[in-house]
């Protein structure tokens, strides 16, 4: 952080601790936002993994209760239809944490951008007069909600791929079709593209929306 000229600070009646408070509140806000985002992503990932493990627990319970023959679970044709139905059901349920992950990424990224917008505003106002700027990023476009190669985006897309696998395998087995690698891969790809379309629209296209009403003509710093 740059030093504040003592003479200029005295002329405006501003002490260095005022700027230190701004930077401290700013940094604590950004830290809290990213910490909350990480915690929510962990919760949704755990929920998704719990849902995706449901068919396995059901198969183990049925085999332990001797409702199904364990040997039948090793052959596609002998797997009971209700196990494929369970795979579809839990695949559909795991779409909920997928959607919640997208909304969590959106909400926290927008909050972080709002803090960056505030930082850009006060650093612009104070930088010209007092030659003082915070040693923090001032790009109001960071972080991007649509970032498929960042860890939140990778988390979302991996979950989308697993959901697509569950849904494709469940529908294929429930319809009584023979397992075909090309058919399964095509189905997984198509369902994953639907998931990706939801992620792309929600995180990228919907961001280009009309600005809210601004009756006080406050300067918009966000690019």
C-alpha atoms as a PDB file:
ATOM      1  CA  UNK A   1       0.000   0.000   0.000  1.00  0.00           C
ATOM      2  CA  UNK A   2       1.366   3.398  -0.922  1.00  0.00           C
ATOM      3  CA  UNK A   3       2.263   5.905   1.728  1.00  0.00           C
ATOM      4  CA  UNK A   4      -0.028   8.907   2.064  1.00  0.00           C
ATOM      5  CA  UNK A   5       1.688  12.283   1.856  1.00  0.00           C
ATOM      6  CA  UNK A   6       1.518  13.767   5.329  1.00  0.00           C
ATOM      7  CA  UNK A   7       0.884  17.294   4.078  1.00  0.00           C
ATOM      8  CA  UNK A   8      -2.058  16.326   1.872  1.00  0.00           C
ATOM      9  CA  UNK A   9      -3.614  14.202   4.598  1.00  0.00           C
ATOM     10  CA  UNK A  10      -3.521  17.136   7.001  1.00  0.00           C
ATOM     11  CA  UNK A  11      -5.015  19.549   4.455  1.00  0.00           C
ATOM     12  CA  UNK A  12      -8.055  17.360   3.878  1.00  0.00           C
ATOM     13  CA  UNK A  13      -8.395  16.379   7.512  1.00  0.00           C
ATOM     14  CA  UNK A  14      -7.902  12.691   6.706  1.00  0.00           C
ATOM     15  CA  UNK A  15      -5.648  10.478   8.751  1.00  0.00           C
ATOM     16  CA  UNK A  16      -3.864   7.352   7.512  1.00  0.00           C
ATOM     17  CA  UNK A  17      -6.016   5.155   9.741  1.00  0.00           C
ATOM     18  CA  UNK A  18      -9.085   6.170   7.711  1.00  0.00           C
ATOM     19  CA  UNK A  19      -7.626   4.583   4.607  1.00  0.00           C
ATOM     20  CA  UNK A  20      -6.428   1.619   6.614  1.00  0.00           C
ATOM     21  CA  UNK A  21     -10.006   1.044   7.766  1.00  0.00           C
ATOM     22  CA  UNK A  22     -11.222   1.157   4.163  1.00  0.00           C
ATOM     23  CA  UNK A  23      -8.659  -1.408   3.075  1.00  0.00           C
ATOM     24  CA  UNK A  24      -9.332  -3.619   6.102  1.00  0.00           C
ATOM     25  CA  UNK A  25     -13.097  -3.655   5.540  1.00  0.00           C
ATOM     26  CA  UNK A  26     -12.518  -4.226   1.841  1.00  0.00           C
ATOM     27  CA  UNK A  27     -10.154  -7.154   2.346  1.00  0.00           C
ATOM     28  CA  UNK A  28     -12.312  -8.743   5.046  1.00  0.00           C
ATOM     29  CA  UNK A  29     -15.342  -8.508   2.774  1.00  0.00           C
ATOM     30  CA  UNK A  30     -13.593 -10.226  -0.130  1.00  0.00           C
ATOM     31  CA  UNK A  31     -12.165 -12.883   2.179  1.00  0.00           C
ATOM     32  CA  UNK A  32     -15.592 -13.593   3.684  1.00  0.00           C
ATOM     33  CA  UNK A  33     -17.175 -13.878   0.231  1.00  0.00           C
ATOM     34  CA  UNK A  34     -14.625 -16.393  -1.042  1.00  0.00           C
ATOM     35  CA  UNK A  35     -14.751 -18.347   2.216  1.00  0.00           C
ATOM     36  CA  UNK A  36     -18.544 -18.572   2.020  1.00  0.00           C
ATOM     37  CA  UNK A  37     -18.328 -19.630  -1.634  1.00  0.00           C
ATOM     38  CA  UNK A  38     -15.881 -22.419  -0.816  1.00  0.00           C
ATOM     39  CA  UNK A  39     -18.017 -23.631   2.081  1.00  0.00           C
ATOM     40  CA  UNK A  40     -21.174 -23.728  -0.019  1.00  0.00           C
ATOM     41  CA  UNK A  41     -19.427 -25.559  -2.863  1.00  0.00           C
ATOM     42  CA  UNK A  42     -18.211 -28.174  -0.382  1.00  0.00           C
ATOM     43  CA  UNK A  43     -21.722 -28.618   1.021  1.00  0.00           C
ATOM     44  CA  UNK A  44     -23.278 -29.026  -2.412  1.00  0.00           C
ATOM     45  CA  UNK A  45     -20.535 -31.418  -3.528  1.00  0.00           C
ATOM     46  CA  UNK A  46     -21.083 -33.563  -0.443  1.00  0.00           C
ATOM     47  CA  UNK A  47     -24.833 -33.549  -1.043  1.00  0.00           C
ATOM     48  CA  UNK A  48     -24.326 -34.547  -4.681  1.00  0.00           C
ATOM     49  CA  UNK A  49     -21.959 -37.376  -3.735  1.00  0.00           C
ATOM     50  CA  UNK A  50     -24.425 -38.594  -1.114  1.00  0.00           C
ATOM     51  CA  UNK A  51     -27.218 -38.677  -3.681  1.00  0.00           C
ATOM     52  CA  UNK A  52     -25.060 -40.355  -6.307  1.00  0.00           C
ATOM     53  CA  UNK A  53     -24.087 -43.083  -3.854  1.00  0.00           C
ATOM     54  CA  UNK A  54     -27.754 -43.918  -3.239  1.00  0.00           C
ATOM     55  CA  UNK A  55     -28.080 -46.637  -5.921  1.00  0.00           C
ATOM     56  CA  UNK A  56     -24.968 -48.401  -4.628  1.00  0.00           C
ATOM     57  CA  UNK A  57     -26.286 -48.452  -1.062  1.00  0.00           C
ATOM     58  CA  UNK A  58     -29.646 -49.688  -2.348  1.00  0.00           C
ATOM     59  CA  UNK A  59     -27.993 -52.498  -4.308  1.00  0.00           C
ATOM     60  CA  UNK A  60     -25.914 -53.523  -1.275  1.00  0.00           C
ATOM     61  CA  UNK A  61     -28.995 -53.492   0.962  1.00  0.00           C
ATOM     62  CA  UNK A  62     -31.028 -55.568  -1.496  1.00  0.00           C
ATOM     63  CA  UNK A  63     -28.210 -58.056  -1.933  1.00  0.00           C
ATOM     64  CA  UNK A  64     -27.696 -58.303   1.839  1.00  0.00           C
ATOM     65  CA  UNK A  65     -31.421 -58.930   2.342  1.00  0.00           C
ATOM     66  CA  UNK A  66     -31.268 -61.567  -0.418  1.00  0.00           C
ATOM     67  CA  UNK A  67     -33.912 -59.736  -2.413  1.00  0.00           C
ATOM     68  CA  UNK A  68     -31.657 -59.885  -5.457  1.00  0.00           C
ATOM     69  CA  UNK A  69     -28.947 -62.337  -6.357  1.00  0.00           C
ATOM     70  CA  UNK A  70     -25.525 -60.645  -6.120  1.00  0.00           C
ATOM     71  CA  UNK A  71     -24.438 -62.545  -9.223  1.00  0.00           C
ATOM     72  CA  UNK A  72     -27.233 -60.920 -11.224  1.00  0.00           C
ATOM     73  CA  UNK A  73     -25.724 -57.498 -10.571  1.00  0.00           C
ATOM     74  CA  UNK A  74     -22.672 -58.462 -12.615  1.00  0.00           C
ATOM     75  CA  UNK A  75     -24.702 -59.045 -15.801  1.00  0.00           C
ATOM     76  CA  UNK A  76     -26.497 -56.186 -17.534  1.00  0.00           C
ATOM     77  CA  UNK A  77     -29.447 -58.309 -18.656  1.00  0.00           C
ATOM     78  CA  UNK A  78     -30.111 -59.659 -15.142  1.00  0.00           C
ATOM     79  CA  UNK A  79     -30.077 -56.353 -13.268  1.00  0.00           C
ATOM     80  CA  UNK A  80     -33.600 -55.704 -11.894  1.00  0.00           C
ATOM     81  CA  UNK A  81     -35.497 -52.882 -13.539  1.00  0.00           C
ATOM     82  CA  UNK A  82     -36.072 -51.073 -10.253  1.00  0.00           C
ATOM     83  CA  UNK A  83     -32.320 -50.623  -9.792  1.00  0.00           C
ATOM     84  CA  UNK A  84     -32.169 -48.793 -13.117  1.00  0.00           C
ATOM     85  CA  UNK A  85     -35.148 -46.747 -11.946  1.00  0.00           C
ATOM     86  CA  UNK A  86     -33.219 -45.883  -8.776  1.00  0.00           C
ATOM     87  CA  UNK A  87     -30.251 -44.789 -10.878  1.00  0.00           C
ATOM     88  CA  UNK A  88     -32.538 -42.456 -12.847  1.00  0.00           C
ATOM     89  CA  UNK A  89     -34.200 -41.134  -9.680  1.00  0.00           C
ATOM     90  CA  UNK A  90     -30.935 -40.315  -7.945  1.00  0.00           C
ATOM     91  CA  UNK A  91     -29.540 -38.879 -11.171  1.00  0.00           C
ATOM     92  CA  UNK A  92     -32.503 -36.506 -11.333  1.00  0.00           C
ATOM     93  CA  UNK A  93     -32.134 -35.611  -7.652  1.00  0.00           C
ATOM     94  CA  UNK A  94     -28.452 -34.813  -8.136  1.00  0.00           C
ATOM     95  CA  UNK A  95     -29.464 -32.138 -10.644  1.00  0.00           C
ATOM     96  CA  UNK A  96     -30.575 -30.032  -7.666  1.00  0.00           C
ATOM     97  CA  UNK A  97     -27.066 -29.608  -6.183  1.00  0.00           C
ATOM     98  CA  UNK A  98     -25.820 -29.005  -9.736  1.00  0.00           C
ATOM     99  CA  UNK A  99     -28.213 -26.076 -10.118  1.00  0.00           C
ATOM    100  CA  UNK A 100     -27.426 -24.863  -6.621  1.00  0.00           C
ATOM    101  CA  UNK A 101     -23.703 -24.889  -7.419  1.00  0.00           C
ATOM    102  CA  UNK A 102     -24.366 -22.650 -10.414  1.00  0.00           C
ATOM    103  CA  UNK A 103     -26.420 -20.231  -8.333  1.00  0.00           C
ATOM    104  CA  UNK A 104     -23.769 -20.229  -5.604  1.00  0.00           C
ATOM    105  CA  UNK A 105     -21.073 -19.359  -8.140  1.00  0.00           C
ATOM    106  CA  UNK A 106     -23.266 -16.580  -9.531  1.00  0.00           C
ATOM    107  CA  UNK A 107     -24.158 -15.109  -6.160  1.00  0.00           C
ATOM    108  CA  UNK A 108     -20.647 -15.066  -4.735  1.00  0.00           C
ATOM    109  CA  UNK A 109     -19.037 -13.835  -7.940  1.00  0.00           C
ATOM    110  CA  UNK A 110     -21.511 -10.963  -8.166  1.00  0.00           C
ATOM    111  CA  UNK A 111     -20.877 -10.066  -4.529  1.00  0.00           C
ATOM    112  CA  UNK A 112     -17.129 -10.084  -5.131  1.00  0.00           C
ATOM    113  CA  UNK A 113     -17.585  -7.904  -8.219  1.00  0.00           C
ATOM    114  CA  UNK A 114     -19.681  -5.477  -6.189  1.00  0.00           C
ATOM    115  CA  UNK A 115     -16.837  -5.205  -3.678  1.00  0.00           C
ATOM    116  CA  UNK A 116     -14.396  -4.665  -6.546  1.00  0.00           C
ATOM    117  CA  UNK A 117     -16.725  -1.982  -7.878  1.00  0.00           C
ATOM    118  CA  UNK A 118     -16.663  -0.264  -4.485  1.00  0.00           C
ATOM    119  CA  UNK A 119     -12.869  -0.549  -4.387  1.00  0.00           C
ATOM    120  CA  UNK A 120     -12.555   0.942  -7.853  1.00  0.00           C
ATOM    121  CA  UNK A 121     -14.845   3.789  -6.856  1.00  0.00           C
ATOM    122  CA  UNK A 122     -13.006   4.865  -3.732  1.00  0.00           C
ATOM    123  CA  UNK A 123      -9.536   4.213  -5.162  1.00  0.00           C
ATOM    124  CA  UNK A 124     -10.401   6.401  -8.158  1.00  0.00           C
ATOM    125  CA  UNK A 125     -11.684   9.212  -5.953  1.00  0.00           C
ATOM    126  CA  UNK A 126      -8.836   9.074  -3.468  1.00  0.00           C
ATOM    127  CA  UNK A 127      -6.058   8.278  -5.913  1.00  0.00           C
ATOM    128  CA  UNK A 128      -6.375  11.576  -7.760  1.00  0.00           C
ATOM    129  CA  UNK A 129      -6.459  13.709  -4.628  1.00  0.00           C
ATOM    130  CA  UNK A 130      -4.181  11.891  -2.210  1.00  0.00           C
ATOM    131  CA  UNK A 131      -2.082   9.680  -4.470  1.00  0.00           C
ATOM    132  CA  UNK A 132      -3.272   6.640  -2.517  1.00  0.00           C
ATOM    133  CA  UNK A 133      -4.444   3.325  -3.919  1.00  0.00           C
ATOM    134  CA  UNK A 134      -5.061  -0.026  -2.212  1.00  0.00           C
ATOM    135  CA  UNK A 135      -2.762  -2.910  -2.974  1.00  0.00           C
ATOM    136  CA  UNK A 136      -5.763  -4.955  -4.132  1.00  0.00           C
ATOM    137  CA  UNK A 137      -7.218  -5.691  -7.592  1.00  0.00           C
ATOM    138  CA  UNK A 138      -9.550  -3.007  -8.910  1.00  0.00           C
ATOM    139  CA  UNK A 139     -10.933  -4.839 -11.953  1.00  0.00           C
ATOM    140  CA  UNK A 140     -14.749  -4.714 -11.611  1.00  0.00           C
ATOM    141  CA  UNK A 141     -15.118  -7.625 -14.061  1.00  0.00           C
ATOM    142  CA  UNK A 142     -13.332 -10.039 -11.718  1.00  0.00           C
ATOM    143  CA  UNK A 143     -14.263 -12.714 -10.884  1.00  0.00           C
ATOM    144  CA  UNK A 144     -16.202 -13.896 -13.917  1.00  0.00           C
ATOM    145  CA  UNK A 145     -19.271 -16.013 -13.252  1.00  0.00           C
ATOM    146  CA  UNK A 146     -18.605 -17.978 -16.444  1.00  0.00           C
ATOM    147  CA  UNK A 147     -15.224 -19.606 -15.877  1.00  0.00           C
ATOM    148  CA  UNK A 148     -15.394 -23.282 -16.921  1.00  0.00           C
ATOM    149  CA  UNK A 149     -11.650 -23.796 -16.401  1.00  0.00           C
ATOM    150  CA  UNK A 150     -11.642 -22.405 -12.854  1.00  0.00           C
ATOM    151  CA  UNK A 151     -12.215 -24.789  -9.956  1.00  0.00           C
ATOM    152  CA  UNK A 152     -15.892 -23.817  -9.446  1.00  0.00           C
ATOM    153  CA  UNK A 153     -16.541 -24.353 -13.152  1.00  0.00           C
ATOM    154  CA  UNK A 154     -14.666 -27.666 -13.168  1.00  0.00           C
ATOM    155  CA  UNK A 155     -16.674 -28.763 -10.137  1.00  0.00           C
ATOM    156  CA  UNK A 156     -19.927 -27.949 -11.921  1.00  0.00           C
ATOM    157  CA  UNK A 157     -18.943 -29.695 -15.158  1.00  0.00           C
ATOM    158  CA  UNK A 158     -17.672 -32.852 -13.424  1.00  0.00           C
ATOM    159  CA  UNK A 159     -20.956 -33.103 -11.556  1.00  0.00           C
ATOM    160  CA  UNK A 160     -22.794 -32.559 -14.848  1.00  0.00           C
ATOM    161  CA  UNK A 161     -20.848 -35.419 -16.452  1.00  0.00           C
ATOM    162  CA  UNK A 162     -21.621 -37.781 -13.567  1.00  0.00           C
ATOM    163  CA  UNK A 163     -25.308 -36.813 -13.662  1.00  0.00           C
ATOM    164  CA  UNK A 164     -25.361 -37.441 -17.401  1.00  0.00           C
ATOM    165  CA  UNK A 165     -23.817 -40.880 -16.910  1.00  0.00           C
ATOM    166  CA  UNK A 166     -26.411 -41.854 -14.310  1.00  0.00           C
ATOM    167  CA  UNK A 167     -29.324 -40.648 -16.417  1.00  0.00           C
ATOM    168  CA  UNK A 168     -28.076 -42.279 -19.616  1.00  0.00           C
ATOM    169  CA  UNK A 169     -27.289 -45.624 -17.986  1.00  0.00           C
ATOM    170  CA  UNK A 170     -30.599 -45.633 -16.113  1.00  0.00           C
ATOM    171  CA  UNK A 171     -32.710 -44.844 -19.173  1.00  0.00           C
ATOM    172  CA  UNK A 172     -30.811 -47.363 -21.312  1.00  0.00           C
ATOM    173  CA  UNK A 173     -31.238 -50.129 -18.754  1.00  0.00           C
ATOM    174  CA  UNK A 174     -34.871 -49.319 -18.005  1.00  0.00           C
ATOM    175  CA  UNK A 175     -35.754 -49.371 -21.696  1.00  0.00           C
ATOM    176  CA  UNK A 176     -34.288 -52.867 -22.000  1.00  0.00           C
ATOM    177  CA  UNK A 177     -31.698 -51.973 -24.617  1.00  0.00           C
ATOM    178  CA  UNK A 178     -28.420 -53.798 -24.926  1.00  0.00           C
ATOM    179  CA  UNK A 179     -25.433 -51.792 -23.659  1.00  0.00           C
ATOM    180  CA  UNK A 180     -23.578 -50.262 -26.572  1.00  0.00           C
ATOM    181  CA  UNK A 181     -20.493 -48.172 -25.905  1.00  0.00           C
ATOM    182  CA  UNK A 182     -21.154 -45.779 -28.772  1.00  0.00           C
ATOM    183  CA  UNK A 183     -24.792 -45.356 -27.770  1.00  0.00           C
ATOM    184  CA  UNK A 184     -23.904 -44.771 -24.127  1.00  0.00           C
ATOM    185  CA  UNK A 185     -21.172 -42.254 -24.941  1.00  0.00           C
ATOM    186  CA  UNK A 186     -23.476 -40.392 -27.327  1.00  0.00           C
ATOM    187  CA  UNK A 187     -26.233 -40.240 -24.732  1.00  0.00           C
ATOM    188  CA  UNK A 188     -23.852 -39.066 -22.017  1.00  0.00           C
ATOM    189  CA  UNK A 189     -22.478 -36.390 -24.332  1.00  0.00           C
ATOM    190  CA  UNK A 190     -25.937 -35.101 -25.272  1.00  0.00           C
ATOM    191  CA  UNK A 191     -27.164 -34.948 -21.682  1.00  0.00           C
ATOM    192  CA  UNK A 192     -23.891 -33.311 -20.592  1.00  0.00           C
ATOM    193  CA  UNK A 193     -24.378 -30.697 -23.317  1.00  0.00           C
ATOM    194  CA  UNK A 194     -27.806 -29.925 -21.863  1.00  0.00           C
ATOM    195  CA  UNK A 195     -26.185 -29.439 -18.451  1.00  0.00           C
ATOM    196  CA  UNK A 196     -23.499 -27.273 -20.018  1.00  0.00           C
ATOM    197  CA  UNK A 197     -26.166 -25.223 -21.790  1.00  0.00           C
ATOM    198  CA  UNK A 198     -27.838 -24.496 -18.458  1.00  0.00           C
ATOM    199  CA  UNK A 199     -24.478 -23.495 -16.966  1.00  0.00           C
ATOM    200  CA  UNK A 200     -23.585 -21.318 -19.963  1.00  0.00           C
ATOM    201  CA  UNK A 201     -26.921 -19.521 -20.077  1.00  0.00           C
ATOM    202  CA  UNK A 202     -27.129 -18.952 -16.342  1.00  0.00           C
ATOM    203  CA  UNK A 203     -23.528 -17.790 -15.857  1.00  0.00           C
ATOM    204  CA  UNK A 204     -22.805 -16.020 -19.143  1.00  0.00           C
ATOM    205  CA  UNK A 205     -25.840 -15.093 -21.221  1.00  0.00           C
ATOM    206  CA  UNK A 206     -28.090 -14.016 -18.354  1.00  0.00           C
ATOM    207  CA  UNK A 207     -25.338 -11.748 -17.034  1.00  0.00           C
ATOM    208  CA  UNK A 208     -25.804  -9.487 -20.044  1.00  0.00           C
ATOM    209  CA  UNK A 209     -28.984  -8.047 -18.647  1.00  0.00           C
ATOM    210  CA  UNK A 210     -30.361  -4.549 -18.433  1.00  0.00           C
ATOM    211  CA  UNK A 211     -28.951  -2.373 -15.707  1.00  0.00           C
ATOM    212  CA  UNK A 212     -31.240  -1.624 -12.752  1.00  0.00           C
ATOM    213  CA  UNK A 213     -32.849   1.764 -12.338  1.00  0.00           C
ATOM    214  CA  UNK A 214     -30.437   4.446 -11.215  1.00  0.00           C
ATOM    215  CA  UNK A 215     -32.500   7.475 -10.140  1.00  0.00           C
ATOM    216  CA  UNK A 216     -29.549   9.090  -8.308  1.00  0.00           C
ATOM    217  CA  UNK A 217     -27.264   8.840 -11.363  1.00  0.00           C
ATOM    218  CA  UNK A 218     -24.573   6.953  -9.467  1.00  0.00           C
ATOM    219  CA  UNK A 219     -21.613   6.180 -11.710  1.00  0.00           C
ATOM    220  CA  UNK A 220     -21.520   2.554 -12.838  1.00  0.00           C
ATOM    221  CA  UNK A 221     -17.940   1.289 -12.666  1.00  0.00           C
ATOM    222  CA  UNK A 222     -18.615  -2.303 -13.701  1.00  0.00           C
ATOM    223  CA  UNK A 223     -17.554  -3.192 -17.233  1.00  0.00           C
END
